[in-house]
Amino acid sequence: GVPPKNDMKRRIQNMKIRGKVELQVIAKKEEPSKDGTKMYKRLGVMTNDFEVGMLRCNEDIYKSVEAGKKYVFVTCFNDQYDSFSLESAVIFGK
């Protein structure tokens, strides 16, 4: 049958939506958490339409990319945390 409404709502709230996008890395930035216990990694990126923004990424991606180069990134929107991040990167054209 049909799941109860509150069960369906819980499942919908934990959805992760992934996609692939080509972005050029234009900057890399590290910033400490508010309590100073963690370092957050962000990449300044530019789309093919020349839109620019900062996106959160993990340390592996941060270490593997270089400013000025294009990459194909796997992105993820997690609606549980209302967050958008980069999950992996492959240099464009490989």
C-alpha atoms as a PDB file:
ATOM      1  CA  GLY A   1       0.000   0.000   0.000  1.00  0.00           C
ATOM      2  CA  VAL A   2       0.724   3.659   0.344  1.00  0.00           C
ATOM      3  CA  PRO A   3       3.130   4.645   3.143  1.00  0.00           C
ATOM      4  CA  PRO A   4       1.727   6.859   5.904  1.00  0.00           C
ATOM      5  CA  LYS A   5       2.074  10.570   5.146  1.00  0.00           C
ATOM      6  CA  ASN A   6       4.608  11.228   7.933  1.00  0.00           C
ATOM      7  CA  ASP A   7       6.794   8.302   6.688  1.00  0.00           C
ATOM      8  CA  MET A   8       6.711   9.662   3.123  1.00  0.00           C
ATOM      9  CA  LYS A   9       7.691  13.113   4.397  1.00  0.00           C
ATOM     10  CA  ARG A  10      10.668  11.662   6.276  1.00  0.00           C
ATOM     11  CA  ARG A  11      11.886   9.865   3.142  1.00  0.00           C
ATOM     12  CA  ILE A  12      11.533  12.975   0.989  1.00  0.00           C
ATOM     13  CA  GLN A  13      13.470  15.107   3.503  1.00  0.00           C
ATOM     14  CA  ASN A  14      16.509  12.799   3.288  1.00  0.00           C
ATOM     15  CA  MET A  15      16.937  13.002  -0.477  1.00  0.00           C
ATOM     16  CA  LYS A  16      20.314  13.591  -2.131  1.00  0.00           C
ATOM     17  CA  ILE A  17      20.274  14.861  -5.707  1.00  0.00           C
ATOM     18  CA  ARG A  18      23.484  14.402  -7.697  1.00  0.00           C
ATOM     19  CA  GLY A  19      24.590  15.852 -11.005  1.00  0.00           C
ATOM     20  CA  LYS A  20      27.674  16.579 -13.094  1.00  0.00           C
ATOM     21  CA  VAL A  21      28.880  20.026 -14.054  1.00  0.00           C
ATOM     22  CA  GLU A  22      31.924  21.492 -15.793  1.00  0.00           C
ATOM     23  CA  LEU A  23      33.504  24.269 -13.732  1.00  0.00           C
ATOM     24  CA  GLN A  24      36.753  26.195 -13.798  1.00  0.00           C
ATOM     25  CA  VAL A  25      38.481  26.544 -10.438  1.00  0.00           C
ATOM     26  CA  ILE A  26      39.520  30.161  -9.931  1.00  0.00           C
ATOM     27  CA  ALA A  27      40.445  30.150  -6.210  1.00  0.00           C
ATOM     28  CA  LYS A  28      40.910  27.896  -3.200  1.00  0.00           C
ATOM     29  CA  LYS A  29      40.028  28.981   0.345  1.00  0.00           C
ATOM     30  CA  GLU A  30      40.251  27.430   3.792  1.00  0.00           C
ATOM     31  CA  GLU A  31      38.331  28.862   6.723  1.00  0.00           C
ATOM     32  CA  PRO A  32      38.019  27.701  10.341  1.00  0.00           C
ATOM     33  CA  SER A  33      34.727  26.632  11.876  1.00  0.00           C
ATOM     34  CA  LYS A  34      33.146  28.990  14.401  1.00  0.00           C
ATOM     35  CA  ASP A  35      34.576  26.993  17.306  1.00  0.00           C
ATOM     36  CA  GLY A  36      37.971  26.670  15.608  1.00  0.00           C
ATOM     37  CA  THR A  37      38.043  22.861  15.681  1.00  0.00           C
ATOM     38  CA  LYS A  38      37.697  22.239  11.914  1.00  0.00           C
ATOM     39  CA  MET A  39      38.916  23.759   8.665  1.00  0.00           C
ATOM     40  CA  TYR A  40      36.332  24.066   5.905  1.00  0.00           C
ATOM     41  CA  LYS A  41      37.488  23.894   2.287  1.00  0.00           C
ATOM     42  CA  ARG A  42      35.860  25.979  -0.449  1.00  0.00           C
ATOM     43  CA  LEU A  43      36.559  26.443  -4.119  1.00  0.00           C
ATOM     44  CA  GLY A  44      35.886  29.581  -6.084  1.00  0.00           C
ATOM     45  CA  VAL A  45      34.441  28.305  -9.367  1.00  0.00           C
ATOM     46  CA  MET A  46      33.203  29.765 -12.647  1.00  0.00           C
ATOM     47  CA  THR A  47      30.617  28.235 -14.988  1.00  0.00           C
ATOM     48  CA  ASN A  48      30.789  28.274 -18.785  1.00  0.00           C
ATOM     49  CA  ASP A  49      28.304  31.185 -18.586  1.00  0.00           C
ATOM     50  CA  PHE A  50      30.821  33.187 -16.484  1.00  0.00           C
ATOM     51  CA  GLU A  51      28.824  32.926 -13.263  1.00  0.00           C
ATOM     52  CA  VAL A  52      31.060  32.762 -10.204  1.00  0.00           C
ATOM     53  CA  GLY A  53      30.524  31.332  -6.728  1.00  0.00           C
ATOM     54  CA  MET A  54      32.091  29.478  -3.805  1.00  0.00           C
ATOM     55  CA  LEU A  55      31.283  25.804  -3.210  1.00  0.00           C
ATOM     56  CA  ARG A  56      32.145  23.555  -0.297  1.00  0.00           C
ATOM     57  CA  CYS A  57      34.279  20.484  -0.992  1.00  0.00           C
ATOM     58  CA  ASN A  58      36.115  17.754   0.885  1.00  0.00           C
ATOM     59  CA  GLU A  59      39.860  17.745   1.504  1.00  0.00           C
ATOM     60  CA  ASP A  60      40.582  15.190  -1.256  1.00  0.00           C
ATOM     61  CA  ILE A  61      39.020  17.422  -3.916  1.00  0.00           C
ATOM     62  CA  TYR A  62      40.664  20.503  -2.431  1.00  0.00           C
ATOM     63  CA  LYS A  63      44.120  18.912  -2.677  1.00  0.00           C
ATOM     64  CA  SER A  64      43.574  17.469  -6.168  1.00  0.00           C
ATOM     65  CA  VAL A  65      42.464  20.595  -8.059  1.00  0.00           C
ATOM     66  CA  GLU A  66      44.447  23.601  -9.264  1.00  0.00           C
ATOM     67  CA  ALA A  67      43.282  27.162  -9.795  1.00  0.00           C
ATOM     68  CA  GLY A  68      42.942  28.005 -13.489  1.00  0.00           C
ATOM     69  CA  LYS A  69      41.995  24.490 -14.630  1.00  0.00           C
ATOM     70  CA  LYS A  70      38.613  23.071 -15.673  1.00  0.00           C
ATOM     71  CA  TYR A  71      37.128  19.985 -14.043  1.00  0.00           C
ATOM     72  CA  VAL A  72      33.986  17.893 -14.276  1.00  0.00           C
ATOM     73  CA  PHE A  73      32.562  17.798 -10.746  1.00  0.00           C
ATOM     74  CA  VAL A  74      29.951  15.494  -9.271  1.00  0.00           C
ATOM     75  CA  THR A  75      27.700  17.744  -7.207  1.00  0.00           C
ATOM     76  CA  CYS A  76      25.244  16.834  -4.474  1.00  0.00           C
ATOM     77  CA  PHE A  77      22.291  18.689  -2.994  1.00  0.00           C
ATOM     78  CA  ASN A  78      21.330  17.211   0.388  1.00  0.00           C
ATOM     79  CA  ASP A  79      17.928  18.450   1.473  1.00  0.00           C
ATOM     80  CA  GLN A  80      18.335  17.071   5.013  1.00  0.00           C
ATOM     81  CA  TYR A  81      21.010  19.725   5.627  1.00  0.00           C
ATOM     82  CA  ASP A  82      19.918  22.106   2.843  1.00  0.00           C
ATOM     83  CA  SER A  83      23.473  21.944   1.484  1.00  0.00           C
ATOM     84  CA  PHE A  84      25.093  21.853  -1.936  1.00  0.00           C
ATOM     85  CA  SER A  85      28.616  20.485  -2.253  1.00  0.00           C
ATOM     86  CA  LEU A  86      31.185  18.982  -4.602  1.00  0.00           C
ATOM     87  CA  GLU A  87      31.681  15.220  -4.189  1.00  0.00           C
ATOM     88  CA  SER A  88      34.371  14.406  -6.766  1.00  0.00           C
ATOM     89  CA  ALA A  89      36.404  15.960  -9.575  1.00  0.00           C
ATOM     90  CA  VAL A  90      37.951  14.773 -12.844  1.00  0.00           C
ATOM     91  CA  ILE A  91      40.083  17.112 -14.929  1.00  0.00           C
ATOM     92  CA  PHE A  92      38.113  18.265 -17.988  1.00  0.00           C
ATOM     93  CA  GLY A  93      38.947  16.391 -21.179  1.00  0.00           C
ATOM     94  CA  LYS A  94      40.216  13.174 -19.567  1.00  0.00           C
END
